[in-house]
Amino acid sequence: EEEDFTFAIISDLNGGEREGVYSTAVAQLNRLDPTFVLSVGDLIDGGTEDTAQLTKEWDSFDQRTSKLNMPFFYLGGNHDLTNPKMRTFWKNRLGPRYYHFVYEDVLFLMLDSEDYTEKRMLEIYEARAEALKIIAGEIEGTYEESEYFKMSERKTGGMSGDQLAYFKNVLEKNPNVKWTFVLMHKPLWQREDEKGLGQLEALLANQPYTVINGHP
């Protein structure tokens, strides 16, 4: 019931997160007092099939995030949804990997940019594991020549036909919103085939919208 509202965005806490930085950010967000906080993925280091480790990492993230005084909306990145086991873990703990909501006549589309078939997800996961061994010096090779480095999904991600159909239905049911925000982790708009953002952007062509992604 506000005349105007604000929101904040966080992303990419993986890869050497310094202790205390996110907790400080949460405290600062509470001082800024946005209406809610959105994420665009990579909230944990992840990248593992170890359920105990995943529980530990998500417990840590959730414990710090719970200190926010406003709602927080989750969205997964490649570190959060690296393999089928992590996808199942997400479903059991957090629910859908992609969803939407409307607030004050503004539509938010929360996309899953790691939306591959299980077979393709495993291929990416296995190639990533080999690339990490090359980087660590555990096996011979050059990262820039690895299979993972050459995969388009490493940079741009992908989305399924089911996800596209879901958001098409959402847009059909919300044709007159004031604005639409499209959030994702990897830049799906850089992928030019049917697994990119092109078909969804075509559906948005006649209404104002903004695309936001993470994955620097």
N, C-alpha and C. Protein backbone atom coordinates (compact mmCIF):
# COMPACT_ATOMS: atom_id res chain seq x y z
N GLU A 1 0.83 -1.20 0.00
CA GLU A 1 0.00 0.00 0.00
C GLU A 1 0.87 1.25 0.00
N GLU A 2 1.88 1.26 -0.86
CA GLU A 2 2.78 2.40 -0.93
C GLU A 2 2.58 3.16 -2.23
N GLU A 3 2.76 4.47 -2.17
CA GLU A 3 2.69 5.25 -3.40
C GLU A 3 3.88 4.94 -4.30
N ASP A 4 5.01 4.66 -3.67
CA ASP A 4 6.23 4.32 -4.40
C ASP A 4 6.93 3.21 -3.61
N PHE A 5 7.80 2.45 -4.26
CA PHE A 5 8.55 1.43 -3.52
C PHE A 5 9.93 1.26 -4.13
N THR A 6 10.83 0.69 -3.35
CA THR A 6 12.19 0.44 -3.81
C THR A 6 12.55 -1.02 -3.54
N PHE A 7 13.53 -1.51 -4.27
CA PHE A 7 14.05 -2.84 -3.98
C PHE A 7 15.56 -2.84 -4.19
N ALA A 8 16.23 -3.76 -3.53
CA ALA A 8 17.68 -3.92 -3.64
C ALA A 8 17.98 -5.27 -4.27
N ILE A 9 19.18 -5.41 -4.83
CA ILE A 9 19.59 -6.64 -5.50
C ILE A 9 20.95 -7.08 -4.97
N ILE A 10 21.08 -8.37 -4.68
CA ILE A 10 22.38 -8.94 -4.32
C ILE A 10 22.70 -10.09 -5.27
N SER A 11 23.99 -10.39 -5.40
CA SER A 11 24.38 -11.52 -6.24
C SER A 11 25.81 -11.93 -5.96
N ASP A 12 26.14 -13.15 -6.40
CA ASP A 12 27.52 -13.62 -6.52
C ASP A 12 28.34 -13.48 -5.23
N LEU A 13 27.97 -14.30 -4.25
CA LEU A 13 28.74 -14.35 -3.01
C LEU A 13 29.78 -15.46 -3.02
N ASN A 14 29.91 -16.14 -4.14
CA ASN A 14 30.80 -17.29 -4.23
C ASN A 14 32.24 -16.86 -4.55
N GLY A 15 33.13 -17.84 -4.52
CA GLY A 15 34.49 -17.61 -5.00
C GLY A 15 35.34 -16.74 -4.10
N GLY A 16 35.41 -17.08 -2.83
CA GLY A 16 36.28 -16.34 -1.93
C GLY A 16 35.59 -15.22 -1.20
N GLU A 17 34.34 -15.43 -0.84
CA GLU A 17 33.60 -14.43 -0.07
C GLU A 17 34.34 -14.12 1.23
N ARG A 18 34.56 -12.85 1.50
CA ARG A 18 35.25 -12.45 2.73
C ARG A 18 34.28 -12.42 3.91
N GLU A 19 34.69 -13.00 5.00
CA GLU A 19 33.85 -13.09 6.19
C GLU A 19 33.44 -11.70 6.66
N GLY A 20 32.16 -11.56 6.95
CA GLY A 20 31.65 -10.32 7.51
C GLY A 20 31.10 -9.34 6.50
N VAL A 21 31.47 -9.48 5.22
CA VAL A 21 31.04 -8.50 4.22
C VAL A 21 29.53 -8.58 4.00
N TYR A 22 29.00 -9.79 3.80
CA TYR A 22 27.57 -9.91 3.55
C TYR A 22 26.75 -9.52 4.78
N SER A 23 27.21 -9.90 5.95
CA SER A 23 26.50 -9.52 7.18
C SER A 23 26.44 -8.00 7.32
N THR A 24 27.53 -7.34 6.96
CA THR A 24 27.55 -5.88 6.98
C THR A 24 26.57 -5.32 5.95
N ALA A 25 26.53 -5.95 4.78
CA ALA A 25 25.60 -5.50 3.74
C ALA A 25 24.15 -5.65 4.19
N VAL A 26 23.85 -6.74 4.88
CA VAL A 26 22.49 -6.93 5.39
C VAL A 26 22.12 -5.81 6.36
N ALA A 27 23.04 -5.46 7.24
CA ALA A 27 22.79 -4.37 8.19
C ALA A 27 22.58 -3.05 7.45
N GLN A 28 23.36 -2.82 6.40
CA GLN A 28 23.21 -1.59 5.63
C GLN A 28 21.90 -1.57 4.85
N LEU A 29 21.48 -2.72 4.35
CA LEU A 29 20.19 -2.80 3.67
C LEU A 29 19.05 -2.46 4.63
N ASN A 30 19.17 -2.91 5.85
CA ASN A 30 18.13 -2.58 6.83
C ASN A 30 18.06 -1.08 7.08
N ARG A 31 19.19 -0.41 7.00
CA ARG A 31 19.20 1.05 7.17
C ARG A 31 18.59 1.73 5.95
N LEU A 32 18.86 1.18 4.75
CA LEU A 32 18.28 1.74 3.52
C LEU A 32 16.78 1.47 3.44
N ASP A 33 16.37 0.36 4.03
CA ASP A 33 14.95 0.00 4.13
C ASP A 33 14.22 -0.10 2.79
N PRO A 34 14.74 -0.91 1.83
CA PRO A 34 13.96 -1.15 0.62
C PRO A 34 12.72 -1.97 0.95
N THR A 35 11.77 -1.99 0.05
CA THR A 35 10.54 -2.75 0.28
C THR A 35 10.83 -4.25 0.32
N PHE A 36 11.74 -4.70 -0.53
CA PHE A 36 12.17 -6.09 -0.51
C PHE A 36 13.54 -6.19 -1.17
N VAL A 37 14.16 -7.38 -1.07
CA VAL A 37 15.48 -7.62 -1.65
C VAL A 37 15.38 -8.79 -2.62
N LEU A 38 15.98 -8.62 -3.78
CA LEU A 38 16.02 -9.66 -4.81
C LEU A 38 17.44 -10.18 -4.97
N SER A 39 17.57 -11.41 -5.42
CA SER A 39 18.88 -11.96 -5.74
C SER A 39 18.94 -12.33 -7.21
N VAL A 40 20.16 -12.36 -7.75
CA VAL A 40 20.34 -12.86 -9.11
C VAL A 40 21.39 -13.98 -9.14
N GLY A 41 21.43 -14.76 -8.05
CA GLY A 41 22.14 -16.03 -8.08
C GLY A 41 23.56 -16.06 -7.55
N ASP A 42 24.07 -17.29 -7.42
CA ASP A 42 25.37 -17.61 -6.83
C ASP A 42 25.42 -17.12 -5.38
N LEU A 43 24.55 -17.69 -4.59
CA LEU A 43 24.43 -17.28 -3.19
C LEU A 43 25.32 -18.12 -2.28
N ILE A 44 25.79 -19.28 -2.77
CA ILE A 44 26.72 -20.13 -2.02
C ILE A 44 27.84 -20.57 -2.96
N ASP A 45 28.90 -21.16 -2.40
CA ASP A 45 29.96 -21.71 -3.23
C ASP A 45 29.46 -22.92 -4.02
N GLY A 46 28.72 -23.80 -3.34
CA GLY A 46 28.07 -24.92 -4.01
C GLY A 46 28.99 -25.76 -4.86
N GLY A 47 28.48 -26.16 -6.03
CA GLY A 47 29.27 -26.95 -6.96
C GLY A 47 29.64 -28.32 -6.43
N THR A 48 28.80 -28.91 -5.59
CA THR A 48 29.12 -30.19 -4.97
C THR A 48 27.88 -31.08 -4.93
N GLU A 49 28.10 -32.37 -4.74
CA GLU A 49 27.00 -33.30 -4.54
C GLU A 49 26.90 -33.73 -3.08
N ASP A 50 27.70 -33.13 -2.24
CA ASP A 50 27.74 -33.43 -0.80
C ASP A 50 26.60 -32.70 -0.09
N THR A 51 25.56 -33.46 0.28
CA THR A 51 24.38 -32.86 0.91
C THR A 51 24.70 -32.17 2.22
N ALA A 52 25.60 -32.74 2.99
CA ALA A 52 25.98 -32.13 4.27
C ALA A 52 26.64 -30.77 4.04
N GLN A 53 27.50 -30.70 3.03
CA GLN A 53 28.16 -29.43 2.72
C GLN A 53 27.16 -28.40 2.22
N LEU A 54 26.23 -28.84 1.38
CA LEU A 54 25.19 -27.93 0.88
C LEU A 54 24.33 -27.39 2.03
N THR A 55 23.98 -28.28 2.95
CA THR A 55 23.19 -27.86 4.11
C THR A 55 23.94 -26.82 4.93
N LYS A 56 25.23 -27.05 5.12
CA LYS A 56 26.06 -26.12 5.88
C LYS A 56 26.10 -24.75 5.20
N GLU A 57 26.29 -24.74 3.89
CA GLU A 57 26.41 -23.47 3.17
C GLU A 57 25.08 -22.72 3.13
N TRP A 58 23.99 -23.44 2.90
CA TRP A 58 22.68 -22.77 2.87
C TRP A 58 22.26 -22.31 4.27
N ASP A 59 22.58 -23.10 5.28
CA ASP A 59 22.28 -22.67 6.65
C ASP A 59 23.01 -21.36 6.96
N SER A 60 24.27 -21.27 6.53
CA SER A 60 25.05 -20.06 6.76
C SER A 60 24.43 -18.87 6.04
N PHE A 61 24.07 -19.08 4.78
CA PHE A 61 23.47 -17.98 4.02
C PHE A 61 22.13 -17.55 4.62
N ASP A 62 21.29 -18.53 4.92
CA ASP A 62 19.97 -18.22 5.44
C ASP A 62 20.03 -17.56 6.81
N GLN A 63 21.00 -17.98 7.63
CA GLN A 63 21.13 -17.38 8.95
C GLN A 63 21.44 -15.88 8.84
N ARG A 64 22.31 -15.53 7.92
CA ARG A 64 22.67 -14.12 7.74
C ARG A 64 21.53 -13.35 7.07
N THR A 65 20.90 -13.98 6.09
CA THR A 65 19.83 -13.32 5.36
C THR A 65 18.60 -13.10 6.23
N SER A 66 18.39 -13.98 7.20
CA SER A 66 17.22 -13.87 8.08
C SER A 66 17.22 -12.58 8.90
N LYS A 67 18.35 -11.90 8.95
CA LYS A 67 18.43 -10.65 9.71
C LYS A 67 17.89 -9.46 8.91
N LEU A 68 17.54 -9.67 7.64
CA LEU A 68 16.88 -8.63 6.86
C LEU A 68 15.50 -8.33 7.47
N ASN A 69 15.12 -7.08 7.46
CA ASN A 69 13.81 -6.67 7.99
C ASN A 69 12.72 -6.69 6.94
N MET A 70 13.05 -7.14 5.74
CA MET A 70 12.11 -7.15 4.64
C MET A 70 12.20 -8.48 3.90
N PRO A 71 11.21 -8.81 3.04
CA PRO A 71 11.24 -10.08 2.32
C PRO A 71 12.46 -10.20 1.39
N PHE A 72 12.90 -11.44 1.22
CA PHE A 72 14.02 -11.75 0.34
C PHE A 72 13.57 -12.79 -0.68
N PHE A 73 13.88 -12.55 -1.96
CA PHE A 73 13.47 -13.45 -3.03
C PHE A 73 14.69 -14.17 -3.61
N TYR A 74 14.68 -15.48 -3.51
CA TYR A 74 15.79 -16.31 -3.97
C TYR A 74 15.77 -16.49 -5.49
N LEU A 75 16.98 -16.60 -6.06
CA LEU A 75 17.14 -16.98 -7.45
C LEU A 75 18.47 -17.70 -7.58
N GLY A 76 18.49 -18.79 -8.32
CA GLY A 76 19.69 -19.63 -8.38
C GLY A 76 20.64 -19.27 -9.51
N GLY A 77 21.94 -19.48 -9.23
CA GLY A 77 22.97 -19.34 -10.26
C GLY A 77 23.66 -20.67 -10.48
N ASN A 78 24.73 -20.67 -11.24
CA ASN A 78 25.40 -21.93 -11.55
C ASN A 78 26.06 -22.55 -10.32
N HIS A 79 26.44 -21.74 -9.33
CA HIS A 79 26.99 -22.31 -8.10
C HIS A 79 25.90 -22.91 -7.21
N ASP A 80 24.68 -22.44 -7.37
CA ASP A 80 23.56 -22.95 -6.57
C ASP A 80 22.87 -24.14 -7.21
N LEU A 81 23.01 -24.25 -8.54
CA LEU A 81 22.32 -25.29 -9.31
C LEU A 81 23.30 -25.94 -10.28
N THR A 82 24.33 -26.58 -9.74
CA THR A 82 25.42 -27.09 -10.56
C THR A 82 25.16 -28.48 -11.12
N ASN A 83 24.34 -29.27 -10.44
CA ASN A 83 24.12 -30.66 -10.83
C ASN A 83 22.71 -31.08 -10.41
N PRO A 84 22.24 -32.24 -10.86
CA PRO A 84 20.88 -32.68 -10.52
C PRO A 84 20.62 -32.78 -9.02
N LYS A 85 21.61 -33.20 -8.23
CA LYS A 85 21.41 -33.30 -6.78
C LYS A 85 21.16 -31.93 -6.17
N MET A 86 21.87 -30.92 -6.65
CA MET A 86 21.67 -29.57 -6.15
C MET A 86 20.32 -29.03 -6.58
N ARG A 87 19.88 -29.41 -7.75
CA ARG A 87 18.55 -29.00 -8.23
C ARG A 87 17.47 -29.58 -7.31
N THR A 88 17.62 -30.84 -6.93
CA THR A 88 16.67 -31.47 -6.02
C THR A 88 16.74 -30.82 -4.64
N PHE A 89 17.95 -30.52 -4.19
CA PHE A 89 18.15 -29.87 -2.89
C PHE A 89 17.42 -28.53 -2.88
N TRP A 90 17.57 -27.77 -3.96
CA TRP A 90 16.88 -26.47 -4.07
C TRP A 90 15.37 -26.64 -3.99
N LYS A 91 14.86 -27.59 -4.74
CA LYS A 91 13.41 -27.83 -4.75
C LYS A 91 12.90 -28.15 -3.36
N ASN A 92 13.60 -29.02 -2.65
CA ASN A 92 13.15 -29.46 -1.33
C ASN A 92 13.26 -28.35 -0.29
N ARG A 93 14.23 -27.47 -0.47
CA ARG A 93 14.48 -26.43 0.54
C ARG A 93 13.79 -25.11 0.21
N LEU A 94 13.80 -24.75 -1.08
CA LEU A 94 13.34 -23.41 -1.47
C LEU A 94 12.14 -23.39 -2.40
N GLY A 95 11.86 -24.51 -3.06
CA GLY A 95 10.70 -24.55 -3.94
C GLY A 95 11.07 -24.41 -5.40
N PRO A 96 10.24 -23.73 -6.20
CA PRO A 96 10.47 -23.63 -7.64
C PRO A 96 11.77 -22.92 -7.98
N ARG A 97 12.39 -23.33 -9.09
CA ARG A 97 13.62 -22.68 -9.55
C ARG A 97 13.31 -21.42 -10.35
N TYR A 98 12.11 -21.32 -10.91
CA TYR A 98 11.68 -20.10 -11.58
C TYR A 98 10.24 -19.82 -11.19
N TYR A 99 9.91 -18.53 -11.08
CA TYR A 99 8.59 -18.13 -10.58
C TYR A 99 8.38 -16.65 -10.89
N HIS A 100 7.27 -16.10 -10.46
CA HIS A 100 6.99 -14.69 -10.68
C HIS A 100 6.20 -14.14 -9.50
N PHE A 101 6.16 -12.83 -9.40
CA PHE A 101 5.24 -12.19 -8.46
C PHE A 101 4.94 -10.78 -8.97
N VAL A 102 3.84 -10.22 -8.49
CA VAL A 102 3.43 -8.87 -8.85
C VAL A 102 3.34 -8.05 -7.58
N TYR A 103 3.93 -6.85 -7.62
CA TYR A 103 3.84 -5.95 -6.48
C TYR A 103 3.54 -4.55 -7.00
N GLU A 104 2.49 -3.94 -6.49
CA GLU A 104 2.10 -2.59 -6.89
C GLU A 104 2.07 -2.44 -8.41
N ASP A 105 1.45 -3.43 -9.06
CA ASP A 105 1.26 -3.41 -10.51
C ASP A 105 2.58 -3.49 -11.28
N VAL A 106 3.62 -4.01 -10.65
CA VAL A 106 4.91 -4.26 -11.31
C VAL A 106 5.17 -5.76 -11.28
N LEU A 107 5.49 -6.32 -12.42
CA LEU A 107 5.68 -7.77 -12.56
C LEU A 107 7.17 -8.12 -12.48
N PHE A 108 7.48 -9.13 -11.69
CA PHE A 108 8.85 -9.62 -11.55
C PHE A 108 8.92 -11.06 -12.05
N LEU A 109 9.75 -11.30 -13.05
CA LEU A 109 9.97 -12.64 -13.59
C LEU A 109 11.33 -13.13 -13.10
N MET A 110 11.33 -14.20 -12.32
CA MET A 110 12.55 -14.73 -11.72
C MET A 110 12.94 -15.99 -12.49
N LEU A 111 13.94 -15.89 -13.36
CA LEU A 111 14.29 -16.97 -14.29
C LEU A 111 15.38 -17.89 -13.73
N ASP A 112 15.37 -19.11 -14.21
CA ASP A 112 16.44 -20.07 -13.93
C ASP A 112 17.29 -20.19 -15.19
N SER A 113 18.51 -19.66 -15.15
CA SER A 113 19.37 -19.72 -16.33
C SER A 113 20.20 -21.01 -16.39
N GLU A 114 19.98 -21.92 -15.42
CA GLU A 114 20.64 -23.24 -15.43
C GLU A 114 19.62 -24.33 -15.74
N ASP A 115 18.68 -24.01 -16.61
CA ASP A 115 17.54 -24.88 -16.87
C ASP A 115 17.81 -25.79 -18.07
N TYR A 116 18.65 -26.81 -17.83
CA TYR A 116 19.03 -27.77 -18.87
C TYR A 116 18.34 -29.11 -18.61
N THR A 117 18.39 -29.99 -19.62
CA THR A 117 17.99 -31.37 -19.37
C THR A 117 19.00 -31.96 -18.38
N GLU A 118 18.60 -33.02 -17.69
CA GLU A 118 19.50 -33.63 -16.72
C GLU A 118 20.76 -34.14 -17.41
N LYS A 119 20.62 -34.67 -18.61
CA LYS A 119 21.77 -35.18 -19.37
C LYS A 119 22.76 -34.05 -19.65
N ARG A 120 22.26 -32.92 -20.12
CA ARG A 120 23.14 -31.80 -20.43
C ARG A 120 23.75 -31.21 -19.16
N MET A 121 22.97 -31.16 -18.09
CA MET A 121 23.48 -30.64 -16.83
C MET A 121 24.66 -31.49 -16.34
N LEU A 122 24.56 -32.81 -16.48
CA LEU A 122 25.65 -33.69 -16.06
C LEU A 122 26.87 -33.52 -16.95
N GLU A 123 26.66 -33.31 -18.25
CA GLU A 123 27.79 -33.07 -19.16
C GLU A 123 28.54 -31.80 -18.76
N ILE A 124 27.79 -30.75 -18.44
CA ILE A 124 28.41 -29.49 -18.03
C ILE A 124 29.13 -29.67 -16.70
N TYR A 125 28.49 -30.39 -15.78
CA TYR A 125 29.06 -30.61 -14.44
C TYR A 125 30.37 -31.38 -14.53
N GLU A 126 30.39 -32.43 -15.33
CA GLU A 126 31.59 -33.25 -15.47
C GLU A 126 32.72 -32.48 -16.17
N ALA A 127 32.36 -31.69 -17.18
CA ALA A 127 33.37 -30.88 -17.86
C ALA A 127 33.92 -29.81 -16.93
N ARG A 128 33.05 -29.24 -16.10
CA ARG A 128 33.47 -28.23 -15.12
C ARG A 128 34.44 -28.84 -14.10
N ALA A 129 34.13 -30.05 -13.63
CA ALA A 129 34.99 -30.71 -12.65
C ALA A 129 36.39 -30.95 -13.23
N GLU A 130 36.45 -31.35 -14.49
CA GLU A 130 37.75 -31.56 -15.14
C GLU A 130 38.50 -30.24 -15.27
N ALA A 131 37.79 -29.17 -15.63
CA ALA A 131 38.42 -27.86 -15.78
C ALA A 131 38.98 -27.36 -14.45
N LEU A 132 38.26 -27.61 -13.37
CA LEU A 132 38.74 -27.20 -12.05
C LEU A 132 40.00 -27.95 -11.66
N LYS A 133 40.10 -29.22 -12.07
CA LYS A 133 41.32 -30.00 -11.79
C LYS A 133 42.50 -29.44 -12.58
N ILE A 134 42.23 -28.98 -13.80
CA ILE A 134 43.30 -28.36 -14.60
C ILE A 134 43.78 -27.08 -13.92
N ILE A 135 42.83 -26.26 -13.46
CA ILE A 135 43.17 -25.00 -12.79
C ILE A 135 43.98 -25.28 -11.53
N ALA A 136 43.61 -26.34 -10.80
CA ALA A 136 44.29 -26.68 -9.54
C ALA A 136 45.63 -27.39 -9.76
N GLY A 137 45.92 -27.75 -11.01
CA GLY A 137 47.17 -28.43 -11.31
C GLY A 137 47.13 -29.92 -11.02
N GLU A 138 45.92 -30.46 -10.81
CA GLU A 138 45.80 -31.88 -10.50
C GLU A 138 45.95 -32.76 -11.74
N ILE A 139 45.60 -32.19 -12.90
CA ILE A 139 45.80 -32.90 -14.16
C ILE A 139 46.40 -31.93 -15.17
N GLU A 140 47.01 -32.46 -16.21
CA GLU A 140 47.63 -31.60 -17.21
C GLU A 140 46.57 -31.01 -18.13
N GLY A 141 46.90 -29.88 -18.69
CA GLY A 141 45.98 -29.24 -19.63
C GLY A 141 45.96 -27.74 -19.46
N THR A 142 45.27 -27.08 -20.38
CA THR A 142 45.10 -25.63 -20.34
C THR A 142 43.62 -25.32 -20.22
N TYR A 143 43.26 -24.51 -19.25
CA TYR A 143 41.85 -24.21 -19.01
C TYR A 143 41.16 -23.67 -20.26
N GLU A 144 41.85 -22.78 -20.98
CA GLU A 144 41.25 -22.17 -22.17
C GLU A 144 41.03 -23.17 -23.30
N GLU A 145 41.64 -24.35 -23.18
CA GLU A 145 41.46 -25.38 -24.21
C GLU A 145 40.55 -26.51 -23.71
N SER A 146 40.01 -26.37 -22.49
CA SER A 146 39.17 -27.42 -21.92
C SER A 146 37.78 -27.42 -22.56
N GLU A 147 37.12 -28.56 -22.44
CA GLU A 147 35.76 -28.69 -22.97
C GLU A 147 34.82 -27.70 -22.30
N TYR A 148 34.97 -27.52 -21.00
CA TYR A 148 34.09 -26.60 -20.26
C TYR A 148 34.25 -25.16 -20.74
N PHE A 149 35.47 -24.74 -20.98
CA PHE A 149 35.72 -23.37 -21.42
C PHE A 149 35.00 -23.08 -22.73
N LYS A 150 34.89 -24.09 -23.57
CA LYS A 150 34.30 -23.92 -24.91
C LYS A 150 32.77 -24.04 -24.91
N MET A 151 32.18 -24.48 -23.78
CA MET A 151 30.72 -24.64 -23.72
C MET A 151 30.02 -23.28 -23.66
N SER A 152 29.04 -23.09 -24.52
CA SER A 152 28.31 -21.81 -24.52
C SER A 152 27.59 -21.58 -23.19
N GLU A 153 27.16 -22.68 -22.56
CA GLU A 153 26.42 -22.55 -21.30
C GLU A 153 27.27 -21.94 -20.18
N ARG A 154 28.58 -22.07 -20.28
CA ARG A 154 29.46 -21.51 -19.25
C ARG A 154 29.23 -20.00 -19.11
N LYS A 155 28.97 -19.34 -20.21
CA LYS A 155 28.78 -17.89 -20.19
C LYS A 155 27.31 -17.48 -20.21
N THR A 156 26.53 -18.15 -21.04
CA THR A 156 25.18 -17.63 -21.31
C THR A 156 24.05 -18.40 -20.63
N GLY A 157 24.32 -19.62 -20.13
CA GLY A 157 23.25 -20.41 -19.53
C GLY A 157 22.27 -20.93 -20.57
N GLY A 158 21.08 -21.29 -20.11
CA GLY A 158 20.05 -21.80 -21.00
C GLY A 158 18.74 -21.95 -20.27
N MET A 159 17.63 -21.89 -21.01
CA MET A 159 16.31 -22.08 -20.41
C MET A 159 15.50 -23.04 -21.26
N SER A 160 14.65 -23.80 -20.61
CA SER A 160 13.88 -24.85 -21.29
C SER A 160 12.61 -24.30 -21.92
N GLY A 161 12.02 -25.12 -22.78
CA GLY A 161 10.72 -24.77 -23.35
C GLY A 161 9.63 -24.70 -22.30
N ASP A 162 9.74 -25.54 -21.27
CA ASP A 162 8.74 -25.51 -20.19
C ASP A 162 8.79 -24.17 -19.45
N GLN A 163 10.00 -23.68 -19.22
CA GLN A 163 10.12 -22.39 -18.53
C GLN A 163 9.56 -21.26 -19.40
N LEU A 164 9.87 -21.29 -20.68
CA LEU A 164 9.33 -20.28 -21.59
C LEU A 164 7.81 -20.31 -21.58
N ALA A 165 7.23 -21.51 -21.62
CA ALA A 165 5.77 -21.65 -21.61
C ALA A 165 5.18 -21.10 -20.32
N TYR A 166 5.87 -21.33 -19.21
CA TYR A 166 5.40 -20.81 -17.92
C TYR A 166 5.32 -19.29 -17.96
N PHE A 167 6.38 -18.63 -18.42
CA PHE A 167 6.39 -17.17 -18.42
C PHE A 167 5.49 -16.60 -19.51
N LYS A 168 5.29 -17.32 -20.59
CA LYS A 168 4.33 -16.89 -21.59
C LYS A 168 2.93 -16.83 -20.97
N ASN A 169 2.59 -17.83 -20.19
CA ASN A 169 1.30 -17.85 -19.51
C ASN A 169 1.19 -16.71 -18.50
N VAL A 170 2.28 -16.43 -17.79
CA VAL A 170 2.30 -15.33 -16.83
C VAL A 170 2.04 -14.00 -17.53
N LEU A 171 2.69 -13.79 -18.66
CA LEU A 171 2.52 -12.53 -19.39
C LEU A 171 1.12 -12.39 -19.95
N GLU A 172 0.55 -13.50 -20.38
CA GLU A 172 -0.82 -13.46 -20.88
C GLU A 172 -1.82 -13.09 -19.79
N LYS A 173 -1.52 -13.47 -18.56
CA LYS A 173 -2.40 -13.18 -17.43
C LYS A 173 -2.14 -11.80 -16.82
N ASN A 174 -1.03 -11.17 -17.22
CA ASN A 174 -0.69 -9.86 -16.67
C ASN A 174 -0.31 -8.91 -17.80
N PRO A 175 -1.26 -8.61 -18.71
CA PRO A 175 -0.91 -7.84 -19.91
C PRO A 175 -0.78 -6.33 -19.68
N ASN A 176 -1.29 -5.83 -18.56
CA ASN A 176 -1.37 -4.38 -18.39
C ASN A 176 -0.58 -3.84 -17.20
N VAL A 177 0.44 -4.57 -16.77
CA VAL A 177 1.24 -4.08 -15.65
C VAL A 177 2.02 -2.84 -16.07
N LYS A 178 2.40 -2.03 -15.08
CA LYS A 178 3.13 -0.79 -15.38
C LYS A 178 4.53 -1.06 -15.91
N TRP A 179 5.17 -2.10 -15.37
CA TRP A 179 6.55 -2.41 -15.77
C TRP A 179 6.82 -3.88 -15.46
N THR A 180 7.78 -4.45 -16.17
CA THR A 180 8.21 -5.82 -15.91
C THR A 180 9.71 -5.86 -15.71
N PHE A 181 10.15 -6.52 -14.64
CA PHE A 181 11.56 -6.76 -14.40
C PHE A 181 11.85 -8.24 -14.65
N VAL A 182 12.87 -8.51 -15.45
CA VAL A 182 13.26 -9.88 -15.78
C VAL A 182 14.63 -10.14 -15.15
N LEU A 183 14.67 -11.03 -14.16
CA LEU A 183 15.92 -11.29 -13.44
C LEU A 183 16.42 -12.70 -13.72
N MET A 184 17.74 -12.83 -13.86
CA MET A 184 18.35 -14.12 -14.14
C MET A 184 19.80 -14.06 -13.66
N HIS A 185 20.45 -15.20 -13.60
CA HIS A 185 21.86 -15.20 -13.22
C HIS A 185 22.75 -14.99 -14.45
N LYS A 186 22.81 -15.96 -15.33
CA LYS A 186 23.62 -15.80 -16.53
C LYS A 186 22.87 -14.98 -17.58
N PRO A 187 23.60 -14.29 -18.46
CA PRO A 187 22.96 -13.40 -19.45
C PRO A 187 22.32 -14.17 -20.61
N LEU A 188 21.14 -14.69 -20.36
CA LEU A 188 20.44 -15.45 -21.39
C LEU A 188 20.22 -14.63 -22.66
N TRP A 189 20.21 -13.32 -22.53
CA TRP A 189 20.00 -12.45 -23.69
C TRP A 189 21.16 -12.51 -24.67
N GLN A 190 22.29 -13.09 -24.25
CA GLN A 190 23.43 -13.23 -25.16
C GLN A 190 23.38 -14.52 -25.96
N ARG A 191 22.46 -15.40 -25.60
CA ARG A 191 22.33 -16.67 -26.32
C ARG A 191 21.27 -16.50 -27.41
N GLU A 192 21.62 -16.88 -28.64
CA GLU A 192 20.77 -16.54 -29.79
C GLU A 192 19.84 -17.65 -30.25
N ASP A 193 19.96 -18.87 -29.69
CA ASP A 193 19.08 -19.94 -30.14
C ASP A 193 17.81 -19.97 -29.28
N GLU A 194 17.04 -21.05 -29.41
CA GLU A 194 15.75 -21.14 -28.73
C GLU A 194 15.87 -21.30 -27.22
N LYS A 195 17.07 -21.53 -26.73
CA LYS A 195 17.28 -21.66 -25.29
C LYS A 195 17.72 -20.34 -24.64
N GLY A 196 17.78 -19.29 -25.44
CA GLY A 196 18.13 -17.97 -24.93
C GLY A 196 16.89 -17.18 -24.56
N LEU A 197 17.05 -15.87 -24.44
CA LEU A 197 15.97 -15.00 -23.98
C LEU A 197 15.12 -14.45 -25.12
N GLY A 198 15.55 -14.67 -26.35
CA GLY A 198 14.91 -14.04 -27.50
C GLY A 198 13.40 -14.22 -27.59
N GLN A 199 12.92 -15.45 -27.38
CA GLN A 199 11.48 -15.70 -27.52
C GLN A 199 10.69 -15.00 -26.42
N LEU A 200 11.26 -14.94 -25.21
CA LEU A 200 10.58 -14.24 -24.13
C LEU A 200 10.59 -12.73 -24.37
N GLU A 201 11.70 -12.21 -24.87
CA GLU A 201 11.76 -10.78 -25.18
C GLU A 201 10.77 -10.41 -26.28
N ALA A 202 10.55 -11.32 -27.22
CA ALA A 202 9.56 -11.06 -28.27
C ALA A 202 8.17 -10.91 -27.67
N LEU A 203 7.88 -11.69 -26.62
CA LEU A 203 6.59 -11.58 -25.95
C LEU A 203 6.46 -10.29 -25.15
N LEU A 204 7.59 -9.71 -24.81
CA LEU A 204 7.62 -8.47 -24.02
C LEU A 204 7.74 -7.22 -24.90
N ALA A 205 7.76 -7.41 -26.20
CA ALA A 205 8.11 -6.33 -27.13
C ALA A 205 7.22 -5.10 -27.01
N ASN A 206 5.96 -5.28 -26.63
CA ASN A 206 5.03 -4.16 -26.61
C ASN A 206 4.79 -3.59 -25.22
N GLN A 207 5.65 -3.92 -24.28
CA GLN A 207 5.50 -3.36 -22.94
C GLN A 207 6.88 -3.02 -22.37
N PRO A 208 6.93 -2.05 -21.47
CA PRO A 208 8.22 -1.64 -20.90
C PRO A 208 8.77 -2.70 -19.95
N TYR A 209 10.06 -2.99 -20.07
CA TYR A 209 10.67 -3.99 -19.19
C TYR A 209 12.16 -3.71 -19.03
N THR A 210 12.74 -4.30 -17.99
CA THR A 210 14.16 -4.17 -17.70
C THR A 210 14.72 -5.55 -17.40
N VAL A 211 15.87 -5.87 -17.98
CA VAL A 211 16.54 -7.15 -17.75
C VAL A 211 17.73 -6.94 -16.83
N ILE A 212 17.86 -7.78 -15.81
CA ILE A 212 18.96 -7.69 -14.84
C ILE A 212 19.57 -9.07 -14.67
N ASN A 213 20.91 -9.17 -14.75
CA ASN A 213 21.56 -10.47 -14.55
C ASN A 213 22.80 -10.30 -13.68
N GLY A 214 23.31 -11.45 -13.21
CA GLY A 214 24.54 -11.48 -12.42
C GLY A 214 25.64 -12.14 -13.24
N HIS A 215 26.40 -13.05 -12.62
CA HIS A 215 27.43 -13.84 -13.31
C HIS A 215 28.46 -12.96 -13.98
N PRO A 216 29.26 -12.20 -13.21
CA PRO A 216 30.23 -11.29 -13.83
C PRO A 216 31.33 -12.06 -14.55
